[in-house]
Amino acid sequence: MAKNRVQFQKGLSLVQFRERYGTEEQCVAALARSRWPRGFECPGCGSRRFHLLRCRSLYQCADCHRQTSITAGTVFACTKLPLTVWFLAMHLISMSKHGISSIELGRQLGVSQKAAWSMKHKLMQVMLEREHGRILSGRVEADDAYMGGEAHGGKVGRGAGRKRPFLAAVQTGQDRKPLYLSLHALKRVSGRAILKWGKAHLHPKAEVVTDGWRAYRSLEANGWSHDAKRTDTKGWRRAKHPAFKWVNTVLGNLKANLLGVCRAIRLKHLPRYLAEFQYRFNRRFDLSTILQRLLRASALTPPMPYRLLKLAEIGG
């Protein structure tokens, strides 16, 4: 049997990582290149002329005299940890196929679980904002699913209590192999919610394949090509339908990862966990550059204070 080239990529090894980002100076230089690809640019006036205040590690604009640090205005803002720790966290999170829990991340980094949780969620916020505008085109398999605990003797599936619904959609190529993924947390599964998702994440010419649930009719009513596969089976038997092969494969992997790695998550943080899985999935074709791309995105993402990480409710 031929090897799957995507799965057997070498990526960026830990040895290579240490050679490139093993010192604070290397990390500062890499962040500077990602934040200012064409050289320093003052966040106040846009000037490229500056003086480097080495004693305080600050850049001072030569025109407006505004001072800024390499991390100010980025997701690393106000951090008390060295950039070497942040870079290792990005490497562990981006290169791990199944993700990593905050407890294990803290062990690997030598920091507390609280610090590791904060770092992980800030980086997941970066992934969420980066994937926010993902548009799927061509043939798209879509299905809704639920995350959360099941009450004993309670209802399962659609309408179940104490669960958070979300929508999964997979764009497939002409060979019916998966290309890109979109995961979106919902407050409820309804025609209005499905339509809102479609307007944000579906190309107008996309051909959507779903089950016969009535909420998906809103897509067809608003111009999308919609193939509703009506089946009499439920649960895992319906999931075996060939039309939903890849979206249900993704859903199975996603739930297995979250259950196996995190054991339990706060449902209000579900959008970030979905974004983390989606981010890695959509960049799986070139693992050697995933860290550089995450660094670039982190340099462009505004600060996310810990109190907002804990309180924010994201998704619609």
C-alpha atoms as a PDB file:
ATOM      1  CA  MET A   1       0.000   0.000   0.000  1.00  0.00           C
ATOM      2  CA  ALA A   2       1.361   3.419  -0.989  1.00  0.00           C
ATOM      3  CA  LYS A   3       2.229   5.800   1.807  1.00  0.00           C
ATOM      4  CA  ASN A   4       0.085   8.842   2.426  1.00  0.00           C
ATOM      5  CA  ARG A   5       2.465  11.700   1.598  1.00  0.00           C
ATOM      6  CA  VAL A   6       0.606  14.147   3.822  1.00  0.00           C
ATOM      7  CA  GLN A   7       0.806  11.897   6.889  1.00  0.00           C
ATOM      8  CA  PHE A   8       4.459  11.003   6.347  1.00  0.00           C
ATOM      9  CA  GLN A   9       5.792  14.549   6.026  1.00  0.00           C
ATOM     10  CA  LYS A  10       8.915  15.266   8.031  1.00  0.00           C
ATOM     11  CA  GLY A  11       7.760  18.690   9.156  1.00  0.00           C
ATOM     12  CA  LEU A  12      10.039  20.630  11.516  1.00  0.00           C
ATOM     13  CA  SER A  13      11.915  18.333  13.880  1.00  0.00           C
ATOM     14  CA  LEU A  14      12.726  19.300  17.455  1.00  0.00           C
ATOM     15  CA  VAL A  15      16.439  19.349  16.555  1.00  0.00           C
ATOM     16  CA  GLN A  16      15.777  21.766  13.684  1.00  0.00           C
ATOM     17  CA  PHE A  17      13.548  23.857  15.931  1.00  0.00           C
ATOM     18  CA  ARG A  18      16.299  24.243  18.528  1.00  0.00           C
ATOM     19  CA  GLU A  19      18.801  25.231  15.831  1.00  0.00           C
ATOM     20  CA  ARG A  20      16.516  27.978  14.526  1.00  0.00           C
ATOM     21  CA  TYR A  21      14.829  29.206  17.702  1.00  0.00           C
ATOM     22  CA  GLY A  22      16.957  27.950  20.566  1.00  0.00           C
ATOM     23  CA  THR A  23      17.987  31.370  21.893  1.00  0.00           C
ATOM     24  CA  GLU A  24      16.070  34.507  22.839  1.00  0.00           C
ATOM     25  CA  GLU A  25      18.018  36.492  20.230  1.00  0.00           C
ATOM     26  CA  GLN A  26      16.927  34.104  17.472  1.00  0.00           C
ATOM     27  CA  CYS A  27      13.293  34.336  18.577  1.00  0.00           C
ATOM     28  CA  VAL A  28      13.367  38.142  18.739  1.00  0.00           C
ATOM     29  CA  ALA A  29      14.857  38.300  15.236  1.00  0.00           C
ATOM     30  CA  ALA A  30      12.254  35.848  13.888  1.00  0.00           C
ATOM     31  CA  LEU A  31       9.388  37.813  15.449  1.00  0.00           C
ATOM     32  CA  ALA A  32      10.776  41.067  14.033  1.00  0.00           C
ATOM     33  CA  ARG A  33      10.903  39.543  10.530  1.00  0.00           C
ATOM     34  CA  SER A  34       7.334  38.286  10.869  1.00  0.00           C
ATOM     35  CA  ARG A  35       5.958  41.519  12.269  1.00  0.00           C
ATOM     36  CA  TRP A  36       7.891  43.861   9.953  1.00  0.00           C
ATOM     37  CA  PRO A  37       8.795  41.927   6.772  1.00  0.00           C
ATOM     38  CA  ARG A  38      10.036  45.137   5.093  1.00  0.00           C
ATOM     39  CA  GLY A  39      11.758  46.491   8.186  1.00  0.00           C
ATOM     40  CA  PHE A  40      10.567  48.419  11.230  1.00  0.00           C
ATOM     41  CA  GLU A  41       7.362  50.413  10.836  1.00  0.00           C
ATOM     42  CA  CYS A  42       6.249  52.771  13.580  1.00  0.00           C
ATOM     43  CA  PRO A  43       2.744  51.811  14.828  1.00  0.00           C
ATOM     44  CA  GLY A  44       2.052  55.518  15.393  1.00  0.00           C
ATOM     45  CA  CYS A  45       3.128  57.352  12.237  1.00  0.00           C
ATOM     46  CA  GLY A  46       4.339  54.579   9.949  1.00  0.00           C
ATOM     47  CA  SER A  47       7.883  55.879   9.734  1.00  0.00           C
ATOM     48  CA  ARG A  48      10.646  53.372   9.056  1.00  0.00           C
ATOM     49  CA  ARG A  49      13.368  55.400  10.782  1.00  0.00           C
ATOM     50  CA  PHE A  50      14.113  54.325  14.340  1.00  0.00           C
ATOM     51  CA  HIS A  51      16.646  54.135  17.138  1.00  0.00           C
ATOM     52  CA  LEU A  52      17.127  50.919  19.075  1.00  0.00           C
ATOM     53  CA  LEU A  53      17.258  51.461  22.841  1.00  0.00           C
ATOM     54  CA  ARG A  54      19.243  48.341  23.691  1.00  0.00           C
ATOM     55  CA  CYS A  55      19.214  48.897  27.450  1.00  0.00           C
ATOM     56  CA  ARG A  56      15.402  48.644  27.469  1.00  0.00           C
ATOM     57  CA  SER A  57      14.901  46.525  24.320  1.00  0.00           C
ATOM     58  CA  LEU A  58      12.691  49.196  22.760  1.00  0.00           C
ATOM     59  CA  TYR A  59      12.339  50.703  19.300  1.00  0.00           C
ATOM     60  CA  GLN A  60      11.984  54.497  19.240  1.00  0.00           C
ATOM     61  CA  CYS A  61      10.616  56.181  16.138  1.00  0.00           C
ATOM     62  CA  ALA A  62      13.018  58.822  14.817  1.00  0.00           C
ATOM     63  CA  ASP A  63      10.111  61.027  13.684  1.00  0.00           C
ATOM     64  CA  CYS A  64       7.323  60.871  16.286  1.00  0.00           C
ATOM     65  CA  HIS A  65       9.555  59.467  19.079  1.00  0.00           C
ATOM     66  CA  ARG A  66       7.016  56.808  20.005  1.00  0.00           C
ATOM     67  CA  GLN A  67       8.550  53.835  21.764  1.00  0.00           C
ATOM     68  CA  THR A  68       7.413  50.264  21.225  1.00  0.00           C
ATOM     69  CA  SER A  69       8.652  46.794  22.051  1.00  0.00           C
ATOM     70  CA  ILE A  70       8.840  43.830  19.713  1.00  0.00           C
ATOM     71  CA  THR A  71       5.820  42.223  21.434  1.00  0.00           C
ATOM     72  CA  ALA A  72       3.622  45.315  21.926  1.00  0.00           C
ATOM     73  CA  GLY A  73       0.377  45.099  19.966  1.00  0.00           C
ATOM     74  CA  THR A  74       0.781  41.367  19.320  1.00  0.00           C
ATOM     75  CA  VAL A  75      -0.659  38.327  21.060  1.00  0.00           C
ATOM     76  CA  PHE A  76       2.610  38.173  23.055  1.00  0.00           C
ATOM     77  CA  ALA A  77       2.001  41.600  24.620  1.00  0.00           C
ATOM     78  CA  CYS A  78       2.771  42.023  28.340  1.00  0.00           C
ATOM     79  CA  THR A  79       4.140  38.500  28.614  1.00  0.00           C
ATOM     80  CA  LYS A  80       6.516  37.750  31.473  1.00  0.00           C
ATOM     81  CA  LEU A  81       7.798  34.615  29.785  1.00  0.00           C
ATOM     82  CA  PRO A  82      10.751  34.493  27.369  1.00  0.00           C
ATOM     83  CA  LEU A  83       9.988  34.236  23.686  1.00  0.00           C
ATOM     84  CA  THR A  84      11.824  30.912  23.646  1.00  0.00           C
ATOM     85  CA  VAL A  85       8.992  29.494  25.770  1.00  0.00           C
ATOM     86  CA  TRP A  86       6.352  30.951  23.458  1.00  0.00           C
ATOM     87  CA  PHE A  87       8.084  29.596  20.372  1.00  0.00           C
ATOM     88  CA  LEU A  88       8.287  26.122  21.889  1.00  0.00           C
ATOM     89  CA  ALA A  89       4.589  26.328  22.758  1.00  0.00           C
ATOM     90  CA  MET A  90       3.770  27.250  19.143  1.00  0.00           C
ATOM     91  CA  HIS A  91       5.889  24.356  17.922  1.00  0.00           C
ATOM     92  CA  LEU A  92       4.259  21.807  20.218  1.00  0.00           C
ATOM     93  CA  ILE A  93       0.727  22.992  19.436  1.00  0.00           C
ATOM     94  CA  SER A  94       1.175  23.263  15.666  1.00  0.00           C
ATOM     95  CA  MET A  95       3.178  20.087  15.064  1.00  0.00           C
ATOM     96  CA  SER A  96       1.114  17.775  17.253  1.00  0.00           C
ATOM     97  CA  LYS A  97      -1.437  15.933  15.110  1.00  0.00           C
ATOM     98  CA  HIS A  98      -3.751  15.290  18.047  1.00  0.00           C
ATOM     99  CA  GLY A  99      -3.153  18.506  19.988  1.00  0.00           C
ATOM    100  CA  ILE A 100      -1.789  18.878  23.498  1.00  0.00           C
ATOM    101  CA  SER A 101      -3.531  19.591  26.800  1.00  0.00           C
ATOM    102  CA  SER A 102      -2.639  22.586  28.947  1.00  0.00           C
ATOM    103  CA  ILE A 103      -1.388  20.225  31.675  1.00  0.00           C
ATOM    104  CA  GLU A 104       1.005  18.456  29.317  1.00  0.00           C
ATOM    105  CA  LEU A 105       1.987  21.757  27.704  1.00  0.00           C
ATOM    106  CA  GLY A 106       2.859  23.146  31.140  1.00  0.00           C
ATOM    107  CA  ARG A 107       5.043  20.106  31.844  1.00  0.00           C
ATOM    108  CA  GLN A 108       6.884  20.468  28.550  1.00  0.00           C
ATOM    109  CA  LEU A 109       7.426  24.218  28.976  1.00  0.00           C
ATOM    110  CA  GLY A 110       8.207  24.159  32.692  1.00  0.00           C
ATOM    111  CA  VAL A 111       5.405  26.592  33.555  1.00  0.00           C
ATOM    112  CA  SER A 112       2.225  26.326  35.597  1.00  0.00           C
ATOM    113  CA  GLN A 113      -0.954  24.845  34.138  1.00  0.00           C
ATOM    114  CA  LYS A 114      -2.616  28.266  34.368  1.00  0.00           C
ATOM    115  CA  ALA A 115       0.176  29.893  32.363  1.00  0.00           C
ATOM    116  CA  ALA A 116       0.089  27.065  29.825  1.00  0.00           C
ATOM    117  CA  TRP A 117      -3.709  27.353  29.523  1.00  0.00           C
ATOM    118  CA  SER A 118      -3.417  31.084  28.891  1.00  0.00           C
ATOM    119  CA  MET A 119      -0.715  30.610  26.242  1.00  0.00           C
ATOM    120  CA  LYS A 120      -2.619  27.832  24.517  1.00  0.00           C
ATOM    121  CA  HIS A 121      -5.861  29.810  24.377  1.00  0.00           C
ATOM    122  CA  LYS A 122      -4.124  32.930  23.126  1.00  0.00           C
ATOM    123  CA  LEU A 123      -2.609  30.916  20.301  1.00  0.00           C
ATOM    124  CA  MET A 124      -5.963  29.249  19.625  1.00  0.00           C
ATOM    125  CA  GLN A 125      -7.482  32.737  19.459  1.00  0.00           C
ATOM    126  CA  VAL A 126      -4.913  33.532  16.771  1.00  0.00           C
ATOM    127  CA  MET A 127      -6.029  30.429  14.873  1.00  0.00           C
ATOM    128  CA  LEU A 128      -9.684  31.390  15.301  1.00  0.00           C
ATOM    129  CA  GLU A 129      -9.176  34.854  13.875  1.00  0.00           C
ATOM    130  CA  ARG A 130      -7.008  33.509  11.050  1.00  0.00           C
ATOM    131  CA  GLU A 131      -9.630  30.945  10.013  1.00  0.00           C
ATOM    132  CA  HIS A 132     -12.593  33.287  10.474  1.00  0.00           C
ATOM    133  CA  GLY A 133     -12.799  34.150   6.774  1.00  0.00           C
ATOM    134  CA  ARG A 134     -12.371  30.606   5.414  1.00  0.00           C
ATOM    135  CA  ILE A 135     -14.513  30.130   2.271  1.00  0.00           C
ATOM    136  CA  LEU A 136     -15.357  26.669   0.940  1.00  0.00           C
ATOM    137  CA  SER A 137     -16.109  26.110  -2.736  1.00  0.00           C
ATOM    138  CA  GLY A 138     -16.859  23.242  -5.100  1.00  0.00           C
ATOM    139  CA  ARG A 139     -18.418  20.154  -3.526  1.00  0.00           C
ATOM    140  CA  VAL A 140     -18.956  20.599   0.223  1.00  0.00           C
ATOM    141  CA  GLU A 141     -20.107  17.929   2.675  1.00  0.00           C
ATOM    142  CA  ALA A 142     -21.827  19.483   5.719  1.00  0.00           C
ATOM    143  CA  ASP A 143     -23.303  18.097   8.914  1.00  0.00           C
ATOM    144  CA  ASP A 144     -24.182  19.345  12.381  1.00  0.00           C
ATOM    145  CA  ALA A 145     -22.840  17.730  15.538  1.00  0.00           C
ATOM    146  CA  TYR A 146     -22.865  18.284  19.287  1.00  0.00           C
ATOM    147  CA  MET A 147     -20.243  18.583  21.975  1.00  0.00           C
ATOM    148  CA  GLY A 148     -20.855  18.171  25.680  1.00  0.00           C
ATOM    149  CA  GLY A 149     -22.137  15.803  28.357  1.00  0.00           C
ATOM    150  CA  GLU A 150     -25.138  13.569  27.905  1.00  0.00           C
ATOM    151  CA  ALA A 151     -27.708  13.420  30.684  1.00  0.00           C
ATOM    152  CA  HIS A 152     -28.573   9.899  31.811  1.00  0.00           C
ATOM    153  CA  GLY A 153     -31.718   8.814  30.029  1.00  0.00           C
ATOM    154  CA  GLY A 154     -31.895  12.140  28.237  1.00  0.00           C
ATOM    155  CA  LYS A 155     -32.345  12.914  24.568  1.00  0.00           C
ATOM    156  CA  VAL A 156     -29.392  12.374  22.238  1.00  0.00           C
ATOM    157  CA  GLY A 157     -28.577  14.090  18.947  1.00  0.00           C
ATOM    158  CA  ARG A 158     -30.478  17.179  17.805  1.00  0.00           C
ATOM    159  CA  GLY A 159     -32.231  18.922  20.663  1.00  0.00           C
ATOM    160  CA  ALA A 160     -30.169  17.234  23.388  1.00  0.00           C
ATOM    161  CA  GLY A 161     -29.706  19.270  26.540  1.00  0.00           C
ATOM    162  CA  ARG A 162     -26.411  20.465  27.996  1.00  0.00           C
ATOM    163  CA  LYS A 163     -24.698  20.223  24.631  1.00  0.00           C
ATOM    164  CA  ARG A 164     -23.278  22.843  22.271  1.00  0.00           C
ATOM    165  CA  PRO A 165     -24.097  22.375  18.577  1.00  0.00           C
ATOM    166  CA  PHE A 166     -21.581  23.116  15.863  1.00  0.00           C
ATOM    167  CA  LEU A 167     -21.419  22.756  12.105  1.00  0.00           C
ATOM    168  CA  ALA A 168     -18.707  20.857  10.217  1.00  0.00           C
ATOM    169  CA  ALA A 169     -18.147  21.220   6.468  1.00  0.00           C
ATOM    170  CA  VAL A 170     -15.462  19.653   4.277  1.00  0.00           C
ATOM    171  CA  GLN A 171     -14.558  20.809   0.775  1.00  0.00           C
ATOM    172  CA  THR A 172     -13.580  17.887  -1.447  1.00  0.00           C
ATOM    173  CA  GLY A 173     -11.650  17.850  -4.702  1.00  0.00           C
ATOM    174  CA  GLN A 174     -12.525  16.248  -8.018  1.00  0.00           C
ATOM    175  CA  ASP A 175     -11.120  12.979  -6.672  1.00  0.00           C
ATOM    176  CA  ARG A 176     -13.473  13.300  -3.659  1.00  0.00           C
ATOM    177  CA  LYS A 177     -10.497  13.640  -1.303  1.00  0.00           C
ATOM    178  CA  PRO A 178     -10.774  16.264   1.479  1.00  0.00           C
ATOM    179  CA  LEU A 179      -9.165  19.655   0.891  1.00  0.00           C
ATOM    180  CA  TYR A 180     -10.331  22.217   3.435  1.00  0.00           C
ATOM    181  CA  LEU A 181     -12.425  22.256   6.578  1.00  0.00           C
ATOM    182  CA  SER A 182     -14.773  24.726   8.252  1.00  0.00           C
ATOM    183  CA  LEU A 183     -15.977  24.280  11.844  1.00  0.00           C
ATOM    184  CA  HIS A 184     -18.402  26.763  13.350  1.00  0.00           C
ATOM    185  CA  ALA A 185     -20.016  26.769  16.800  1.00  0.00           C
ATOM    186  CA  LEU A 186     -23.740  27.507  16.881  1.00  0.00           C
ATOM    187  CA  LYS A 187     -26.165  28.524  19.604  1.00  0.00           C
ATOM    188  CA  ARG A 188     -28.827  26.343  17.992  1.00  0.00           C
ATOM    189  CA  VAL A 189     -29.313  24.435  14.753  1.00  0.00           C
ATOM    190  CA  SER A 190     -31.850  26.410  12.758  1.00  0.00           C
ATOM    191  CA  GLY A 191     -32.396  27.535   9.213  1.00  0.00           C
ATOM    192  CA  ARG A 192     -31.380  31.066  10.145  1.00  0.00           C
ATOM    193  CA  ALA A 193     -28.125  29.888  11.741  1.00  0.00           C
ATOM    194  CA  ILE A 194     -27.292  27.643   8.768  1.00  0.00           C
ATOM    195  CA  LEU A 195     -27.974  30.493   6.345  1.00  0.00           C
ATOM    196  CA  LYS A 196     -25.784  32.878   8.338  1.00  0.00           C
ATOM    197  CA  TRP A 197     -22.964  30.337   8.226  1.00  0.00           C
ATOM    198  CA  GLY A 198     -23.456  29.825   4.491  1.00  0.00           C
ATOM    199  CA  LYS A 199     -23.215  33.532   3.718  1.00  0.00           C
ATOM    200  CA  ALA A 200     -19.967  33.749   5.674  1.00  0.00           C
ATOM    201  CA  HIS A 201     -18.239  30.529   4.640  1.00  0.00           C
ATOM    202  CA  LEU A 202     -19.683  29.214   1.362  1.00  0.00           C
ATOM    203  CA  HIS A 203     -18.832  30.332  -2.146  1.00  0.00           C
ATOM    204  CA  PRO A 204     -22.006  31.260  -4.058  1.00  0.00           C
ATOM    205  CA  LYS A 205     -21.324  28.428  -6.547  1.00  0.00           C
ATOM    206  CA  ALA A 206     -20.657  25.776  -3.892  1.00  0.00           C
ATOM    207  CA  GLU A 207     -22.537  22.473  -4.143  1.00  0.00           C
ATOM    208  CA  VAL A 208     -23.592  21.479  -0.629  1.00  0.00           C
ATOM    209  CA  VAL A 209     -24.329  17.882   0.360  1.00  0.00           C
ATOM    210  CA  THR A 210     -26.258  17.368   3.617  1.00  0.00           C
ATOM    211  CA  ASP A 211     -28.771  15.034   5.180  1.00  0.00           C
ATOM    212  CA  GLY A 212     -32.495  15.742   4.924  1.00  0.00           C
ATOM    213  CA  TRP A 213     -32.776  17.918   8.050  1.00  0.00           C
ATOM    214  CA  ARG A 214     -35.130  20.800   7.297  1.00  0.00           C
ATOM    215  CA  ALA A 215     -32.760  23.503   8.589  1.00  0.00           C
ATOM    216  CA  TYR A 216     -30.525  22.987   5.554  1.00  0.00           C
ATOM    217  CA  ARG A 217     -33.317  23.963   3.186  1.00  0.00           C
ATOM    218  CA  SER A 218     -32.430  27.600   3.837  1.00  0.00           C
ATOM    219  CA  LEU A 219     -29.315  27.115   1.708  1.00  0.00           C
ATOM    220  CA  GLU A 220     -31.289  25.922  -1.296  1.00  0.00           C
ATOM    221  CA  ALA A 221     -33.848  28.698  -0.794  1.00  0.00           C
ATOM    222  CA  ASN A 222     -31.066  31.270  -1.025  1.00  0.00           C
ATOM    223  CA  GLY A 223     -29.391  30.119  -4.210  1.00  0.00           C
ATOM    224  CA  TRP A 224     -26.948  27.370  -3.277  1.00  0.00           C
ATOM    225  CA  SER A 225     -26.950  24.038  -5.046  1.00  0.00           C
ATOM    226  CA  HIS A 226     -28.143  21.662  -2.341  1.00  0.00           C
ATOM    227  CA  ASP A 227     -28.156  17.886  -2.486  1.00  0.00           C
ATOM    228  CA  ALA A 228     -30.177  16.580   0.486  1.00  0.00           C
ATOM    229  CA  LYS A 229     -29.505  12.893   1.045  1.00  0.00           C
ATOM    230  CA  ARG A 230     -32.564  11.488   2.779  1.00  0.00           C
ATOM    231  CA  THR A 231     -31.807   8.397   4.817  1.00  0.00           C
ATOM    232  CA  ASP A 232     -33.972   6.260   7.074  1.00  0.00           C
ATOM    233  CA  THR A 233     -31.066   5.308   9.343  1.00  0.00           C
ATOM    234  CA  LYS A 234     -29.771   7.217  12.334  1.00  0.00           C
ATOM    235  CA  GLY A 235     -26.585   7.544  14.370  1.00  0.00           C
ATOM    236  CA  TRP A 236     -23.514   5.630  13.207  1.00  0.00           C
ATOM    237  CA  ARG A 237     -25.428   3.921  10.387  1.00  0.00           C
ATOM    238  CA  ARG A 238     -26.270   7.292   8.831  1.00  0.00           C
ATOM    239  CA  ALA A 239     -22.662   8.361   9.332  1.00  0.00           C
ATOM    240  CA  LYS A 240     -21.604   5.441   7.118  1.00  0.00           C
ATOM    241  CA  HIS A 241     -23.450   6.943   4.136  1.00  0.00           C
ATOM    242  CA  PRO A 242     -20.817   7.437   1.367  1.00  0.00           C
ATOM    243  CA  ALA A 243     -22.010  10.984   0.666  1.00  0.00           C
ATOM    244  CA  PHE A 244     -20.875  12.046   4.155  1.00  0.00           C
ATOM    245  CA  LYS A 245     -17.661  10.011   4.282  1.00  0.00           C
ATOM    246  CA  TRP A 246     -15.212  12.829   4.906  1.00  0.00           C
ATOM    247  CA  VAL A 247     -17.265  15.152   7.081  1.00  0.00           C
ATOM    248  CA  ASN A 248     -18.050  12.254   9.417  1.00  0.00           C
ATOM    249  CA  THR A 249     -14.424  11.079   9.370  1.00  0.00           C
ATOM    250  CA  VAL A 250     -13.404  14.576  10.451  1.00  0.00           C
ATOM    251  CA  LEU A 251     -16.080  14.654  13.153  1.00  0.00           C
ATOM    252  CA  GLY A 252     -14.911  11.312  14.506  1.00  0.00           C
ATOM    253  CA  ASN A 253     -11.292  12.460  14.626  1.00  0.00           C
ATOM    254  CA  LEU A 254     -12.227  15.780  16.214  1.00  0.00           C
ATOM    255  CA  LYS A 255     -14.260  14.237  19.023  1.00  0.00           C
ATOM    256  CA  ALA A 256     -11.655  11.528  19.638  1.00  0.00           C
ATOM    257  CA  ASN A 257      -8.932  14.179  19.885  1.00  0.00           C
ATOM    258  CA  LEU A 258     -10.829  16.377  22.321  1.00  0.00           C
ATOM    259  CA  LEU A 259     -11.872  13.437  24.466  1.00  0.00           C
ATOM    260  CA  GLY A 260      -8.435  11.829  24.421  1.00  0.00           C
ATOM    261  CA  VAL A 261      -6.363  14.975  24.932  1.00  0.00           C
ATOM    262  CA  CYS A 262      -8.465  17.394  26.977  1.00  0.00           C
ATOM    263  CA  ARG A 263     -10.969  14.968  28.527  1.00  0.00           C
ATOM    264  CA  ALA A 264     -13.382  17.845  29.112  1.00  0.00           C
ATOM    265  CA  ILE A 265     -13.701  21.442  27.895  1.00  0.00           C
ATOM    266  CA  ARG A 266     -15.814  24.446  28.777  1.00  0.00           C
ATOM    267  CA  LEU A 267     -18.407  24.717  26.045  1.00  0.00           C
ATOM    268  CA  LYS A 268     -18.065  28.507  25.928  1.00  0.00           C
ATOM    269  CA  HIS A 269     -14.495  27.923  24.710  1.00  0.00           C
ATOM    270  CA  LEU A 270     -15.552  25.408  22.046  1.00  0.00           C
ATOM    271  CA  PRO A 271     -14.989  27.839  19.122  1.00  0.00           C
ATOM    272  CA  ARG A 272     -11.274  28.020  19.960  1.00  0.00           C
ATOM    273  CA  TYR A 273     -10.894  24.249  20.184  1.00  0.00           C
ATOM    274  CA  LEU A 274     -12.669  23.917  16.842  1.00  0.00           C
ATOM    275  CA  ALA A 275     -10.404  26.576  15.340  1.00  0.00           C
ATOM    276  CA  GLU A 276      -7.277  24.783  16.559  1.00  0.00           C
ATOM    277  CA  PHE A 277      -8.330  21.548  14.843  1.00  0.00           C
ATOM    278  CA  GLN A 278      -9.383  23.420  11.704  1.00  0.00           C
ATOM    279  CA  TYR A 279      -6.157  25.432  11.553  1.00  0.00           C
ATOM    280  CA  ARG A 280      -3.931  22.359  11.629  1.00  0.00           C
ATOM    281  CA  PHE A 281      -6.159  20.432   9.210  1.00  0.00           C
ATOM    282  CA  ASN A 282      -6.128  23.199   6.590  1.00  0.00           C
ATOM    283  CA  ARG A 283      -2.328  23.498   6.765  1.00  0.00           C
ATOM    284  CA  ARG A 284      -1.530  19.803   6.838  1.00  0.00           C
ATOM    285  CA  PHE A 285      -0.112  19.857   3.302  1.00  0.00           C
ATOM    286  CA  ASP A 286       3.035  21.749   4.356  1.00  0.00           C
ATOM    287  CA  LEU A 287       4.010  21.071   7.964  1.00  0.00           C
ATOM    288  CA  SER A 288       7.481  22.553   7.480  1.00  0.00           C
ATOM    289  CA  THR A 289       6.049  26.098   7.358  1.00  0.00           C
ATOM    290  CA  ILE A 290       3.172  25.842   9.834  1.00  0.00           C
ATOM    291  CA  LEU A 291       5.196  27.366  12.687  1.00  0.00           C
ATOM    292  CA  GLN A 292       6.294  30.336  10.561  1.00  0.00           C
ATOM    293  CA  ARG A 293       2.715  30.941   9.493  1.00  0.00           C
ATOM    294  CA  LEU A 294       1.451  30.758  13.071  1.00  0.00           C
ATOM    295  CA  LEU A 295       4.187  33.188  14.129  1.00  0.00           C
ATOM    296  CA  ARG A 296       3.184  35.627  11.408  1.00  0.00           C
ATOM    297  CA  ALA A 297      -0.475  35.382  12.424  1.00  0.00           C
ATOM    298  CA  SER A 298       0.450  35.863  16.107  1.00  0.00           C
ATOM    299  CA  ALA A 299       2.425  38.989  15.247  1.00  0.00           C
ATOM    300  CA  LEU A 300      -0.647  40.456  13.521  1.00  0.00           C
ATOM    301  CA  THR A 301      -3.230  39.474  16.160  1.00  0.00           C
ATOM    302  CA  PRO A 302      -4.061  42.093  18.831  1.00  0.00           C
ATOM    303  CA  PRO A 303      -3.456  41.295  22.520  1.00  0.00           C
ATOM    304  CA  MET A 304      -5.947  39.001  24.259  1.00  0.00           C
ATOM    305  CA  PRO A 305      -5.859  39.556  28.052  1.00  0.00           C
ATOM    306  CA  TYR A 306      -6.416  36.575  30.339  1.00  0.00           C
ATOM    307  CA  ARG A 307      -9.694  37.983  31.699  1.00  0.00           C
ATOM    308  CA  LEU A 308     -11.126  38.098  28.169  1.00  0.00           C
ATOM    309  CA  LEU A 309      -9.943  34.572  27.456  1.00  0.00           C
ATOM    310  CA  LYS A 310     -11.892  33.350  30.483  1.00  0.00           C
ATOM    311  CA  LEU A 311     -15.048  35.344  29.839  1.00  0.00           C
ATOM    312  CA  ALA A 312     -15.337  35.553  26.067  1.00  0.00           C
ATOM    313  CA  GLU A 313     -18.244  33.734  24.487  1.00  0.00           C
ATOM    314  CA  ILE A 314     -17.516  33.373  20.785  1.00  0.00           C
ATOM    315  CA  GLY A 315     -19.673  32.039  18.005  1.00  0.00           C
ATOM    316  CA  GLY A 316     -23.218  32.398  16.835  1.00  0.00           C
END
